[in-house]
Amino acid sequence: MQSSSNLVFKDYIPNQVMLLPPSLEELIEENHPVRVVNDVIDRINVEPLLKQYKPGGTSVYHPRMLLKVLVYGYLSNIYSSRKMEAALKENVHFMWLSAMNRPDHNTITRFRSERLKDALRQVFGQVVELLVEEGLVSIKNIYTDGDQNRV
């Protein structure tokens, strides 16, 4: 039987205030897929998306950030805008990807259904090509408008 005086525990101080909080950058592994998504979306031409916006009015979330959230969500098997909204508040990868922006589920849904609608083919075509190049996605068959093409 071991006496409690011999037990050694790591520090556990849940209410400890940090003078300098950790950077989200430090919390993301160097080779994590979220970094690949970030890099890929930064490399594509988002001009077709930008054309969906009109000048003036109030500020809106950047379409590149929203696209990163959607693509990473899909790669993480998260398709619900409500679950993406929660991930933006709870998941360090989504927080890093969005630079701590927190669009709500309505904003995510509107972006997906209205802004991305006309630019989807151009934008996601670029995304898929780059993800395949990075080895993050494997495509053996591509379906275009119901037609199957072997790659």
N, C-alpha and C. Protein backbone atom coordinates (compact mmCIF):
# COMPACT_ATOMS: atom_id res chain seq x y z
N MET A 1 0.85 -1.19 0.00
CA MET A 1 0.00 0.00 0.00
C MET A 1 0.89 1.24 0.00
N GLN A 2 0.59 2.16 -0.92
CA GLN A 2 1.41 3.36 -1.07
C GLN A 2 0.81 4.47 -0.22
N SER A 3 1.66 5.20 0.46
CA SER A 3 1.16 6.30 1.28
C SER A 3 0.97 7.53 0.40
N SER A 4 0.02 8.37 0.78
CA SER A 4 -0.27 9.57 -0.01
C SER A 4 0.87 10.57 0.01
N SER A 5 1.80 10.45 0.94
CA SER A 5 2.92 11.38 0.98
C SER A 5 3.91 11.13 -0.15
N ASN A 6 3.85 9.96 -0.79
CA ASN A 6 4.75 9.65 -1.90
C ASN A 6 4.18 10.05 -3.26
N LEU A 7 2.93 10.47 -3.30
CA LEU A 7 2.31 10.82 -4.57
C LEU A 7 2.76 12.20 -5.03
N VAL A 8 3.04 12.30 -6.32
CA VAL A 8 3.45 13.58 -6.89
C VAL A 8 2.56 13.84 -8.11
N PHE A 9 1.90 14.98 -8.09
CA PHE A 9 1.02 15.35 -9.19
C PHE A 9 1.57 16.56 -9.92
N LYS A 10 1.28 16.65 -11.18
CA LYS A 10 1.62 17.85 -11.95
C LYS A 10 0.71 18.98 -11.45
N ASP A 11 1.20 20.21 -11.60
CA ASP A 11 0.40 21.36 -11.19
C ASP A 11 -0.94 21.37 -11.91
N TYR A 12 -1.97 21.65 -11.17
CA TYR A 12 -3.31 21.78 -11.74
C TYR A 12 -3.97 22.95 -11.04
N ILE A 13 -3.97 24.10 -11.74
CA ILE A 13 -4.55 25.32 -11.17
C ILE A 13 -5.51 25.89 -12.22
N PRO A 14 -6.75 25.37 -12.25
CA PRO A 14 -7.68 25.76 -13.31
C PRO A 14 -8.04 27.24 -13.36
N ASN A 15 -7.94 27.94 -12.26
CA ASN A 15 -8.31 29.36 -12.24
C ASN A 15 -7.12 30.29 -12.39
N GLN A 16 -5.97 29.73 -12.74
CA GLN A 16 -4.76 30.51 -12.89
C GLN A 16 -4.90 31.49 -14.06
N VAL A 17 -4.60 32.74 -13.81
CA VAL A 17 -4.65 33.75 -14.86
C VAL A 17 -3.28 33.80 -15.53
N MET A 18 -3.28 33.77 -16.86
CA MET A 18 -2.02 33.84 -17.59
C MET A 18 -1.73 35.29 -17.94
N LEU A 19 -0.50 35.71 -17.72
CA LEU A 19 -0.13 37.06 -18.10
C LEU A 19 -0.11 37.21 -19.62
N LEU A 20 0.40 36.20 -20.30
CA LEU A 20 0.40 36.18 -21.75
C LEU A 20 -0.26 34.88 -22.19
N PRO A 21 -1.43 34.95 -22.80
CA PRO A 21 -2.08 33.71 -23.25
C PRO A 21 -1.27 33.08 -24.39
N PRO A 22 -1.39 31.78 -24.57
CA PRO A 22 -0.65 31.15 -25.66
C PRO A 22 -1.18 31.63 -27.01
N SER A 23 -0.32 31.68 -27.97
CA SER A 23 -0.73 32.02 -29.33
C SER A 23 -1.40 30.80 -29.94
N LEU A 24 -2.48 31.01 -30.68
CA LEU A 24 -3.13 29.89 -31.35
C LEU A 24 -2.14 29.21 -32.31
N GLU A 25 -1.25 30.00 -32.88
CA GLU A 25 -0.23 29.47 -33.79
C GLU A 25 0.59 28.37 -33.12
N GLU A 26 0.89 28.55 -31.85
CA GLU A 26 1.68 27.56 -31.10
C GLU A 26 0.89 26.27 -30.85
N LEU A 27 -0.42 26.34 -30.86
CA LEU A 27 -1.25 25.20 -30.52
C LEU A 27 -1.58 24.30 -31.71
N ILE A 28 -1.21 24.74 -32.92
CA ILE A 28 -1.50 23.97 -34.12
C ILE A 28 -0.22 23.27 -34.58
N GLU A 29 -0.29 21.95 -34.70
CA GLU A 29 0.87 21.20 -35.16
C GLU A 29 1.28 21.67 -36.55
N GLU A 30 2.57 21.62 -36.81
CA GLU A 30 3.10 22.13 -38.07
C GLU A 30 2.54 21.41 -39.30
N ASN A 31 2.28 20.12 -39.19
CA ASN A 31 1.81 19.36 -40.35
C ASN A 31 0.32 19.02 -40.28
N HIS A 32 -0.44 19.76 -39.49
CA HIS A 32 -1.87 19.50 -39.33
C HIS A 32 -2.62 19.88 -40.61
N PRO A 33 -3.65 19.11 -40.99
CA PRO A 33 -4.42 19.42 -42.21
C PRO A 33 -5.01 20.83 -42.25
N VAL A 34 -5.29 21.43 -41.10
CA VAL A 34 -5.85 22.78 -41.11
C VAL A 34 -4.86 23.77 -41.72
N ARG A 35 -3.58 23.52 -41.58
CA ARG A 35 -2.58 24.39 -42.20
C ARG A 35 -2.58 24.23 -43.72
N VAL A 36 -2.82 23.01 -44.17
CA VAL A 36 -2.89 22.76 -45.61
C VAL A 36 -4.10 23.49 -46.20
N VAL A 37 -5.24 23.38 -45.53
CA VAL A 37 -6.44 24.08 -46.00
C VAL A 37 -6.17 25.58 -46.05
N ASN A 38 -5.57 26.12 -45.02
CA ASN A 38 -5.26 27.55 -44.97
C ASN A 38 -4.38 27.93 -46.16
N ASP A 39 -3.34 27.16 -46.40
CA ASP A 39 -2.40 27.44 -47.48
C ASP A 39 -3.09 27.33 -48.84
N VAL A 40 -3.88 26.29 -49.03
CA VAL A 40 -4.55 26.07 -50.31
C VAL A 40 -5.51 27.21 -50.62
N ILE A 41 -6.33 27.58 -49.65
CA ILE A 41 -7.31 28.65 -49.89
C ILE A 41 -6.61 29.99 -50.10
N ASP A 42 -5.46 30.19 -49.47
CA ASP A 42 -4.70 31.42 -49.70
C ASP A 42 -4.14 31.48 -51.12
N ARG A 43 -3.96 30.33 -51.75
CA ARG A 43 -3.36 30.27 -53.08
C ARG A 43 -4.36 30.33 -54.23
N ILE A 44 -5.64 30.17 -53.95
CA ILE A 44 -6.60 30.16 -55.06
C ILE A 44 -7.06 31.57 -55.40
N ASN A 45 -7.61 31.71 -56.59
CA ASN A 45 -8.17 32.97 -57.05
C ASN A 45 -9.61 33.06 -56.55
N VAL A 46 -9.88 34.00 -55.65
CA VAL A 46 -11.24 34.15 -55.11
C VAL A 46 -12.01 35.27 -55.80
N GLU A 47 -11.51 35.74 -56.93
CA GLU A 47 -12.20 36.80 -57.67
C GLU A 47 -13.65 36.46 -57.98
N PRO A 48 -13.96 35.21 -58.38
CA PRO A 48 -15.38 34.89 -58.61
C PRO A 48 -16.24 35.09 -57.36
N LEU A 49 -15.68 34.86 -56.19
CA LEU A 49 -16.41 35.10 -54.94
C LEU A 49 -16.55 36.58 -54.66
N LEU A 50 -15.48 37.33 -54.87
CA LEU A 50 -15.51 38.76 -54.59
C LEU A 50 -16.55 39.47 -55.44
N LYS A 51 -16.81 38.95 -56.64
CA LYS A 51 -17.81 39.56 -57.53
C LYS A 51 -19.23 39.41 -56.98
N GLN A 52 -19.41 38.55 -55.99
CA GLN A 52 -20.74 38.34 -55.40
C GLN A 52 -21.10 39.43 -54.38
N TYR A 53 -20.15 40.31 -54.09
CA TYR A 53 -20.36 41.37 -53.09
C TYR A 53 -20.51 42.72 -53.79
N LYS A 54 -21.32 43.58 -53.18
CA LYS A 54 -21.51 44.94 -53.71
C LYS A 54 -20.86 45.92 -52.73
N PRO A 55 -20.23 46.96 -53.26
CA PRO A 55 -19.60 47.94 -52.37
C PRO A 55 -20.63 48.71 -51.54
N GLY A 56 -20.17 49.24 -50.42
CA GLY A 56 -21.04 50.02 -49.55
C GLY A 56 -21.67 49.15 -48.48
N GLY A 57 -22.42 49.74 -47.62
CA GLY A 57 -23.08 48.99 -46.55
C GLY A 57 -22.12 48.69 -45.41
N THR A 58 -22.55 47.79 -44.56
CA THR A 58 -21.73 47.44 -43.40
C THR A 58 -20.66 46.44 -43.80
N SER A 59 -19.67 46.30 -42.94
CA SER A 59 -18.59 45.36 -43.21
C SER A 59 -19.12 43.93 -43.11
N VAL A 60 -18.48 43.03 -43.85
CA VAL A 60 -18.86 41.62 -43.86
C VAL A 60 -17.61 40.78 -43.62
N TYR A 61 -17.82 39.54 -43.24
CA TYR A 61 -16.69 38.63 -43.08
C TYR A 61 -16.03 38.39 -44.43
N HIS A 62 -14.73 38.24 -44.42
CA HIS A 62 -14.00 38.04 -45.67
C HIS A 62 -14.38 36.68 -46.26
N PRO A 63 -14.69 36.65 -47.54
CA PRO A 63 -15.09 35.38 -48.15
C PRO A 63 -13.99 34.32 -48.11
N ARG A 64 -12.73 34.72 -48.11
CA ARG A 64 -11.64 33.75 -48.03
C ARG A 64 -11.69 33.02 -46.68
N MET A 65 -11.96 33.76 -45.60
CA MET A 65 -12.06 33.14 -44.27
C MET A 65 -13.24 32.19 -44.22
N LEU A 66 -14.39 32.63 -44.73
CA LEU A 66 -15.58 31.77 -44.71
C LEU A 66 -15.35 30.51 -45.55
N LEU A 67 -14.67 30.64 -46.67
CA LEU A 67 -14.37 29.50 -47.51
C LEU A 67 -13.45 28.51 -46.78
N LYS A 68 -12.47 29.03 -46.07
CA LYS A 68 -11.57 28.17 -45.28
C LYS A 68 -12.36 27.38 -44.24
N VAL A 69 -13.27 28.05 -43.56
CA VAL A 69 -14.09 27.40 -42.54
C VAL A 69 -14.94 26.29 -43.17
N LEU A 70 -15.57 26.59 -44.31
CA LEU A 70 -16.39 25.59 -44.98
C LEU A 70 -15.57 24.38 -45.42
N VAL A 71 -14.45 24.63 -46.09
CA VAL A 71 -13.62 23.53 -46.60
C VAL A 71 -13.08 22.69 -45.46
N TYR A 72 -12.58 23.34 -44.41
CA TYR A 72 -12.06 22.57 -43.28
C TYR A 72 -13.19 21.83 -42.57
N GLY A 73 -14.34 22.45 -42.48
CA GLY A 73 -15.50 21.77 -41.90
C GLY A 73 -15.84 20.52 -42.68
N TYR A 74 -15.90 20.64 -44.00
CA TYR A 74 -16.21 19.47 -44.83
C TYR A 74 -15.16 18.38 -44.67
N LEU A 75 -13.88 18.77 -44.65
CA LEU A 75 -12.82 17.77 -44.47
C LEU A 75 -12.89 17.11 -43.10
N SER A 76 -13.49 17.80 -42.14
CA SER A 76 -13.66 17.27 -40.78
C SER A 76 -15.01 16.60 -40.59
N ASN A 77 -15.73 16.39 -41.68
CA ASN A 77 -17.08 15.79 -41.65
C ASN A 77 -18.07 16.62 -40.85
N ILE A 78 -17.91 17.93 -40.91
CA ILE A 78 -18.86 18.85 -40.29
C ILE A 78 -19.55 19.59 -41.43
N TYR A 79 -20.84 19.34 -41.61
CA TYR A 79 -21.58 19.95 -42.71
C TYR A 79 -22.64 20.93 -42.23
N SER A 80 -23.04 20.83 -40.98
CA SER A 80 -24.06 21.69 -40.42
C SER A 80 -23.48 23.07 -40.08
N SER A 81 -24.18 24.12 -40.51
CA SER A 81 -23.70 25.47 -40.19
C SER A 81 -23.73 25.73 -38.69
N ARG A 82 -24.66 25.11 -37.98
CA ARG A 82 -24.71 25.27 -36.52
C ARG A 82 -23.50 24.60 -35.86
N LYS A 83 -23.10 23.45 -36.38
CA LYS A 83 -21.92 22.77 -35.83
C LYS A 83 -20.64 23.54 -36.17
N MET A 84 -20.61 24.16 -37.34
CA MET A 84 -19.46 25.01 -37.68
C MET A 84 -19.40 26.22 -36.77
N GLU A 85 -20.55 26.81 -36.50
CA GLU A 85 -20.61 27.95 -35.57
C GLU A 85 -20.06 27.53 -34.20
N ALA A 86 -20.46 26.38 -33.72
CA ALA A 86 -19.96 25.89 -32.42
C ALA A 86 -18.46 25.64 -32.48
N ALA A 87 -17.99 25.05 -33.57
CA ALA A 87 -16.56 24.76 -33.71
C ALA A 87 -15.74 26.04 -33.70
N LEU A 88 -16.27 27.12 -34.25
CA LEU A 88 -15.56 28.39 -34.26
C LEU A 88 -15.38 28.96 -32.85
N LYS A 89 -16.17 28.48 -31.90
CA LYS A 89 -16.07 28.92 -30.51
C LYS A 89 -15.31 27.92 -29.64
N GLU A 90 -15.27 26.65 -30.07
CA GLU A 90 -14.76 25.59 -29.20
C GLU A 90 -13.51 24.87 -29.70
N ASN A 91 -13.26 24.91 -30.99
CA ASN A 91 -12.20 24.10 -31.59
C ASN A 91 -11.04 25.01 -31.99
N VAL A 92 -9.86 24.74 -31.44
CA VAL A 92 -8.71 25.61 -31.68
C VAL A 92 -8.34 25.69 -33.16
N HIS A 93 -8.57 24.62 -33.91
CA HIS A 93 -8.25 24.63 -35.33
C HIS A 93 -9.14 25.62 -36.08
N PHE A 94 -10.43 25.60 -35.79
CA PHE A 94 -11.36 26.54 -36.42
C PHE A 94 -11.06 27.96 -35.95
N MET A 95 -10.73 28.14 -34.68
CA MET A 95 -10.40 29.47 -34.16
C MET A 95 -9.20 30.05 -34.89
N TRP A 96 -8.17 29.22 -35.07
CA TRP A 96 -6.96 29.66 -35.76
C TRP A 96 -7.27 30.01 -37.20
N LEU A 97 -8.02 29.14 -37.86
CA LEU A 97 -8.34 29.31 -39.27
C LEU A 97 -9.13 30.59 -39.50
N SER A 98 -10.03 30.92 -38.59
CA SER A 98 -10.88 32.10 -38.74
C SER A 98 -10.28 33.36 -38.11
N ALA A 99 -9.07 33.23 -37.55
CA ALA A 99 -8.43 34.36 -36.85
C ALA A 99 -9.35 34.91 -35.77
N MET A 100 -10.03 33.98 -35.08
CA MET A 100 -10.93 34.28 -33.97
C MET A 100 -12.21 35.01 -34.40
N ASN A 101 -12.49 35.07 -35.69
CA ASN A 101 -13.78 35.58 -36.15
C ASN A 101 -14.82 34.51 -35.82
N ARG A 102 -16.02 34.94 -35.52
CA ARG A 102 -17.09 34.00 -35.14
C ARG A 102 -18.38 34.26 -35.90
N PRO A 103 -18.38 33.97 -37.19
CA PRO A 103 -19.65 34.13 -37.91
C PRO A 103 -20.68 33.15 -37.37
N ASP A 104 -21.92 33.58 -37.30
CA ASP A 104 -22.96 32.69 -36.79
C ASP A 104 -23.44 31.76 -37.90
N HIS A 105 -24.30 30.82 -37.54
CA HIS A 105 -24.74 29.81 -38.51
C HIS A 105 -25.52 30.43 -39.67
N ASN A 106 -26.25 31.52 -39.42
CA ASN A 106 -26.97 32.18 -40.51
C ASN A 106 -26.00 32.77 -41.54
N THR A 107 -24.92 33.36 -41.06
CA THR A 107 -23.91 33.93 -41.96
C THR A 107 -23.26 32.83 -42.79
N ILE A 108 -22.94 31.71 -42.14
CA ILE A 108 -22.32 30.58 -42.85
C ILE A 108 -23.29 30.04 -43.90
N THR A 109 -24.55 29.89 -43.53
CA THR A 109 -25.56 29.38 -44.46
C THR A 109 -25.75 30.33 -45.64
N ARG A 110 -25.86 31.62 -45.37
CA ARG A 110 -26.04 32.61 -46.46
C ARG A 110 -24.83 32.60 -47.40
N PHE A 111 -23.63 32.52 -46.81
CA PHE A 111 -22.43 32.48 -47.64
C PHE A 111 -22.46 31.26 -48.56
N ARG A 112 -22.79 30.13 -47.99
CA ARG A 112 -22.81 28.86 -48.74
C ARG A 112 -23.90 28.88 -49.83
N SER A 113 -25.09 29.36 -49.48
CA SER A 113 -26.22 29.26 -50.41
C SER A 113 -26.34 30.44 -51.37
N GLU A 114 -25.88 31.62 -50.98
CA GLU A 114 -26.04 32.80 -51.83
C GLU A 114 -24.74 33.23 -52.50
N ARG A 115 -23.72 33.47 -51.72
CA ARG A 115 -22.45 34.00 -52.26
C ARG A 115 -21.67 32.95 -53.03
N LEU A 116 -21.65 31.75 -52.51
CA LEU A 116 -20.84 30.69 -53.11
C LEU A 116 -21.54 30.02 -54.27
N LYS A 117 -22.87 30.17 -54.34
CA LYS A 117 -23.69 29.47 -55.33
C LYS A 117 -23.16 29.63 -56.76
N ASP A 118 -22.98 30.86 -57.22
CA ASP A 118 -22.57 31.10 -58.60
C ASP A 118 -21.08 30.88 -58.82
N ALA A 119 -20.29 30.94 -57.76
CA ALA A 119 -18.84 30.79 -57.89
C ALA A 119 -18.36 29.40 -57.50
N LEU A 120 -19.28 28.55 -57.09
CA LEU A 120 -18.92 27.24 -56.53
C LEU A 120 -18.03 26.41 -57.46
N ARG A 121 -18.44 26.25 -58.69
CA ARG A 121 -17.69 25.39 -59.61
C ARG A 121 -16.26 25.89 -59.79
N GLN A 122 -16.08 27.19 -60.02
CA GLN A 122 -14.74 27.74 -60.22
C GLN A 122 -13.89 27.63 -58.97
N VAL A 123 -14.45 28.02 -57.84
CA VAL A 123 -13.68 28.06 -56.60
C VAL A 123 -13.36 26.65 -56.10
N PHE A 124 -14.36 25.79 -56.02
CA PHE A 124 -14.10 24.46 -55.49
C PHE A 124 -13.27 23.61 -56.44
N GLY A 125 -13.34 23.89 -57.73
CA GLY A 125 -12.46 23.19 -58.67
C GLY A 125 -11.01 23.46 -58.34
N GLN A 126 -10.69 24.73 -58.07
CA GLN A 126 -9.32 25.09 -57.68
C GLN A 126 -8.94 24.44 -56.35
N VAL A 127 -9.87 24.48 -55.40
CA VAL A 127 -9.60 23.91 -54.08
C VAL A 127 -9.29 22.42 -54.19
N VAL A 128 -10.13 21.68 -54.91
CA VAL A 128 -9.94 20.24 -55.04
C VAL A 128 -8.61 19.94 -55.72
N GLU A 129 -8.28 20.66 -56.78
CA GLU A 129 -7.00 20.43 -57.47
C GLU A 129 -5.82 20.61 -56.53
N LEU A 130 -5.84 21.67 -55.74
CA LEU A 130 -4.72 21.92 -54.82
C LEU A 130 -4.69 20.92 -53.67
N LEU A 131 -5.86 20.51 -53.17
CA LEU A 131 -5.90 19.51 -52.11
C LEU A 131 -5.37 18.17 -52.61
N VAL A 132 -5.68 17.83 -53.85
CA VAL A 132 -5.15 16.60 -54.44
C VAL A 132 -3.63 16.70 -54.55
N GLU A 133 -3.13 17.87 -55.03
CA GLU A 133 -1.69 18.08 -55.13
C GLU A 133 -1.00 17.92 -53.78
N GLU A 134 -1.66 18.39 -52.71
CA GLU A 134 -1.09 18.31 -51.37
C GLU A 134 -1.24 16.92 -50.76
N GLY A 135 -1.98 16.03 -51.45
CA GLY A 135 -2.16 14.68 -50.94
C GLY A 135 -3.19 14.57 -49.84
N LEU A 136 -3.99 15.62 -49.65
CA LEU A 136 -4.99 15.62 -48.59
C LEU A 136 -6.28 14.94 -49.04
N VAL A 137 -6.51 14.94 -50.36
CA VAL A 137 -7.70 14.33 -50.92
C VAL A 137 -7.26 13.42 -52.05
N SER A 138 -7.86 12.24 -52.12
CA SER A 138 -7.58 11.32 -53.21
C SER A 138 -8.83 11.23 -54.07
N ILE A 139 -8.65 11.41 -55.35
CA ILE A 139 -9.79 11.35 -56.25
C ILE A 139 -9.49 10.30 -57.32
N LYS A 140 -10.32 9.28 -57.33
CA LYS A 140 -10.19 8.27 -58.38
C LYS A 140 -11.27 8.48 -59.43
N ASN A 141 -12.42 8.96 -59.01
CA ASN A 141 -13.52 9.26 -59.92
C ASN A 141 -13.99 10.68 -59.65
N ILE A 142 -14.25 11.40 -60.71
CA ILE A 142 -14.79 12.75 -60.57
C ILE A 142 -16.18 12.73 -61.20
N TYR A 143 -17.17 13.26 -60.48
CA TYR A 143 -18.53 13.34 -60.99
C TYR A 143 -18.84 14.79 -61.31
N THR A 144 -19.20 15.04 -62.56
CA THR A 144 -19.56 16.38 -62.98
C THR A 144 -20.98 16.33 -63.54
N ASP A 145 -21.89 17.00 -62.87
CA ASP A 145 -23.29 17.02 -63.30
C ASP A 145 -23.81 15.61 -63.58
N GLY A 146 -23.46 14.68 -62.71
CA GLY A 146 -23.99 13.31 -62.83
C GLY A 146 -23.21 12.41 -63.76
N ASP A 147 -22.24 12.94 -64.51
CA ASP A 147 -21.44 12.11 -65.40
C ASP A 147 -20.15 11.71 -64.69
N GLN A 148 -19.77 10.46 -64.82
CA GLN A 148 -18.57 9.96 -64.17
C GLN A 148 -17.40 10.03 -65.15
N ASN A 149 -16.30 10.59 -64.69
CA ASN A 149 -15.07 10.62 -65.48
C ASN A 149 -13.97 10.00 -64.64
N ARG A 150 -13.25 9.06 -65.19
CA ARG A 150 -12.15 8.41 -64.46
C ARG A 150 -10.92 9.28 -64.56
N VAL A 151 -10.21 9.36 -63.44
CA VAL A 151 -8.98 10.14 -63.40
C VAL A 151 -7.80 9.21 -63.37
